[in-house]
């Protein structure tokens, strides 16, 4: 069974939340304004920004969209944009596999 809570995962949630808070401030938005634009509750936004709890993916994407950074986040998870992953992709495809 996968351990859902770990110190590392908690630290990552807090770091992501802090980055979201910083983006909100860079964009000159209050927490209430961002929550409204993202159509999430103020409590949900606060929990994400503080790393208190895991967020639903759709809530997180809505917040990132409202901040104007969702495309960068999606791009950062694209294996085709990673040199090491592209090597492995070439190996897989070269062997007749598919992704």
C-alpha atoms as a PDB file:
ATOM      1  CA  UNK A   1       0.000   0.000   0.000  1.00  0.00           C
ATOM      2  CA  UNK A   2       1.252   3.474  -0.888  1.00  0.00           C
ATOM      3  CA  UNK A   3       1.949   5.717   2.053  1.00  0.00           C
ATOM      4  CA  UNK A   4      -0.082   8.879   1.465  1.00  0.00           C
ATOM      5  CA  UNK A   5       1.552  10.987   4.167  1.00  0.00           C
ATOM      6  CA  UNK A   6       5.260  11.423   4.486  1.00  0.00           C
ATOM      7  CA  UNK A   7       7.486  14.290   5.574  1.00  0.00           C
ATOM      8  CA  UNK A   8       8.643  14.772   1.996  1.00  0.00           C
ATOM      9  CA  UNK A   9       5.115  14.850   0.608  1.00  0.00           C
ATOM     10  CA  UNK A  10       4.078  17.315   3.304  1.00  0.00           C
ATOM     11  CA  UNK A  11       7.055  19.536   2.464  1.00  0.00           C
ATOM     12  CA  UNK A  12       6.171  19.423  -1.244  1.00  0.00           C
ATOM     13  CA  UNK A  13       2.541  20.353  -0.533  1.00  0.00           C
ATOM     14  CA  UNK A  14       3.700  23.278   1.582  1.00  0.00           C
ATOM     15  CA  UNK A  15       6.158  24.412  -1.098  1.00  0.00           C
ATOM     16  CA  UNK A  16       3.504  24.218  -3.816  1.00  0.00           C
ATOM     17  CA  UNK A  17       1.089  26.129  -1.611  1.00  0.00           C
ATOM     18  CA  UNK A  18       3.671  28.810  -0.928  1.00  0.00           C
ATOM     19  CA  UNK A  19       4.363  29.136  -4.648  1.00  0.00           C
ATOM     20  CA  UNK A  20       0.642  29.529  -5.324  1.00  0.00           C
ATOM     21  CA  UNK A  21       0.412  32.200  -2.635  1.00  0.00           C
ATOM     22  CA  UNK A  22       3.365  34.020  -4.204  1.00  0.00           C
ATOM     23  CA  UNK A  23       1.790  33.861  -7.678  1.00  0.00           C
ATOM     24  CA  UNK A  24      -1.442  35.228  -6.199  1.00  0.00           C
ATOM     25  CA  UNK A  25       0.470  38.159  -4.744  1.00  0.00           C
ATOM     26  CA  UNK A  26       2.449  38.722  -7.964  1.00  0.00           C
ATOM     27  CA  UNK A  27      -0.913  38.941  -9.748  1.00  0.00           C
ATOM     28  CA  UNK A  28      -2.182  41.410  -7.156  1.00  0.00           C
ATOM     29  CA  UNK A  29      -5.076  39.216  -6.075  1.00  0.00           C
ATOM     30  CA  UNK A  30      -6.540  38.751  -2.654  1.00  0.00           C
ATOM     31  CA  UNK A  31      -7.270  35.218  -1.528  1.00  0.00           C
ATOM     32  CA  UNK A  32     -10.991  35.911  -1.859  1.00  0.00           C
ATOM     33  CA  UNK A  33     -10.558  37.187  -5.398  1.00  0.00           C
ATOM     34  CA  UNK A  34      -8.515  34.161  -6.483  1.00  0.00           C
ATOM     35  CA  UNK A  35     -10.958  31.753  -4.858  1.00  0.00           C
ATOM     36  CA  UNK A  36     -13.829  33.455  -6.674  1.00  0.00           C
ATOM     37  CA  UNK A  37     -12.036  33.448 -10.044  1.00  0.00           C
ATOM     38  CA  UNK A  38     -11.147  29.773  -9.620  1.00  0.00           C
ATOM     39  CA  UNK A  39     -14.640  28.888  -8.371  1.00  0.00           C
ATOM     40  CA  UNK A  40     -13.265  27.223  -5.243  1.00  0.00           C
ATOM     41  CA  UNK A  41     -14.050  27.985  -1.649  1.00  0.00           C
ATOM     42  CA  UNK A  42     -11.827  30.308   0.333  1.00  0.00           C
ATOM     43  CA  UNK A  43     -11.195  27.382   2.718  1.00  0.00           C
ATOM     44  CA  UNK A  44      -9.998  25.197  -0.179  1.00  0.00           C
ATOM     45  CA  UNK A  45      -7.595  27.903  -1.314  1.00  0.00           C
ATOM     46  CA  UNK A  46      -6.315  28.457   2.223  1.00  0.00           C
ATOM     47  CA  UNK A  47      -5.741  24.715   2.664  1.00  0.00           C
ATOM     48  CA  UNK A  48      -3.812  24.537  -0.604  1.00  0.00           C
ATOM     49  CA  UNK A  49      -1.737  27.617   0.170  1.00  0.00           C
ATOM     50  CA  UNK A  50      -0.810  26.317   3.602  1.00  0.00           C
ATOM     51  CA  UNK A  51      -0.271  22.702   2.554  1.00  0.00           C
ATOM     52  CA  UNK A  52      -2.752  21.567   5.191  1.00  0.00           C
ATOM     53  CA  UNK A  53      -4.507  19.040   3.021  1.00  0.00           C
ATOM     54  CA  UNK A  54      -4.373  17.491  -0.404  1.00  0.00           C
ATOM     55  CA  UNK A  55      -6.370  19.258  -3.062  1.00  0.00           C
ATOM     56  CA  UNK A  56      -8.555  17.800  -5.735  1.00  0.00           C
ATOM     57  CA  UNK A  57      -6.833  18.003  -9.086  1.00  0.00           C
ATOM     58  CA  UNK A  58      -9.680  20.004 -10.626  1.00  0.00           C
ATOM     59  CA  UNK A  59      -9.474  22.582  -7.820  1.00  0.00           C
ATOM     60  CA  UNK A  60      -5.720  22.888  -8.203  1.00  0.00           C
ATOM     61  CA  UNK A  61      -6.011  23.261 -11.995  1.00  0.00           C
ATOM     62  CA  UNK A  62      -8.716  25.910 -11.584  1.00  0.00           C
ATOM     63  CA  UNK A  63      -6.466  27.911  -9.253  1.00  0.00           C
ATOM     64  CA  UNK A  64      -3.454  27.570 -11.543  1.00  0.00           C
ATOM     65  CA  UNK A  65      -5.626  28.633 -14.496  1.00  0.00           C
ATOM     66  CA  UNK A  66      -6.852  31.706 -12.639  1.00  0.00           C
ATOM     67  CA  UNK A  67      -3.220  32.570 -11.869  1.00  0.00           C
ATOM     68  CA  UNK A  68      -2.243  32.142 -15.523  1.00  0.00           C
ATOM     69  CA  UNK A  69       0.379  29.452 -14.880  1.00  0.00           C
ATOM     70  CA  UNK A  70      -1.466  26.218 -15.658  1.00  0.00           C
ATOM     71  CA  UNK A  71       0.187  25.807 -19.064  1.00  0.00           C
ATOM     72  CA  UNK A  72       3.664  25.921 -17.498  1.00  0.00           C
ATOM     73  CA  UNK A  73       2.692  23.311 -14.919  1.00  0.00           C
ATOM     74  CA  UNK A  74       1.278  21.003 -17.589  1.00  0.00           C
ATOM     75  CA  UNK A  75       4.378  21.501 -19.747  1.00  0.00           C
ATOM     76  CA  UNK A  76       6.629  20.618 -16.817  1.00  0.00           C
ATOM     77  CA  UNK A  77       5.021  17.176 -16.596  1.00  0.00           C
ATOM     78  CA  UNK A  78       5.411  16.423 -20.317  1.00  0.00           C
ATOM     79  CA  UNK A  79       7.996  13.644 -20.704  1.00  0.00           C
ATOM     80  CA  UNK A  80       8.721  14.779 -24.264  1.00  0.00           C
ATOM     81  CA  UNK A  81      10.222  17.974 -22.778  1.00  0.00           C
ATOM     82  CA  UNK A  82      12.729  16.059 -20.620  1.00  0.00           C
ATOM     83  CA  UNK A  83      16.051  14.971 -22.091  1.00  0.00           C
ATOM     84  CA  UNK A  84      16.331  11.789 -20.011  1.00  0.00           C
ATOM     85  CA  UNK A  85      12.735  10.820 -20.711  1.00  0.00           C
ATOM     86  CA  UNK A  86      13.156  11.429 -24.452  1.00  0.00           C
ATOM     87  CA  UNK A  87      16.025   8.929 -24.522  1.00  0.00           C
ATOM     88  CA  UNK A  88      13.814   6.335 -22.856  1.00  0.00           C
ATOM     89  CA  UNK A  89      10.911   7.216 -25.177  1.00  0.00           C
ATOM     90  CA  UNK A  90      13.161   6.635 -28.179  1.00  0.00           C
ATOM     91  CA  UNK A  91      14.157   3.245 -26.732  1.00  0.00           C
ATOM     92  CA  UNK A  92      10.540   2.258 -26.155  1.00  0.00           C
ATOM     93  CA  UNK A  93       9.398   3.363 -29.602  1.00  0.00           C
ATOM     94  CA  UNK A  94      12.481   1.852 -31.255  1.00  0.00           C
ATOM     95  CA  UNK A  95      11.624  -1.503 -29.701  1.00  0.00           C
ATOM     96  CA  UNK A  96       8.128  -1.328 -31.173  1.00  0.00           C
ATOM     97  CA  UNK A  97       6.437  -0.173 -28.000  1.00  0.00           C
ATOM     98  CA  UNK A  98       4.050   2.710 -27.611  1.00  0.00           C
ATOM     99  CA  UNK A  99       3.306   5.374 -25.049  1.00  0.00           C
END
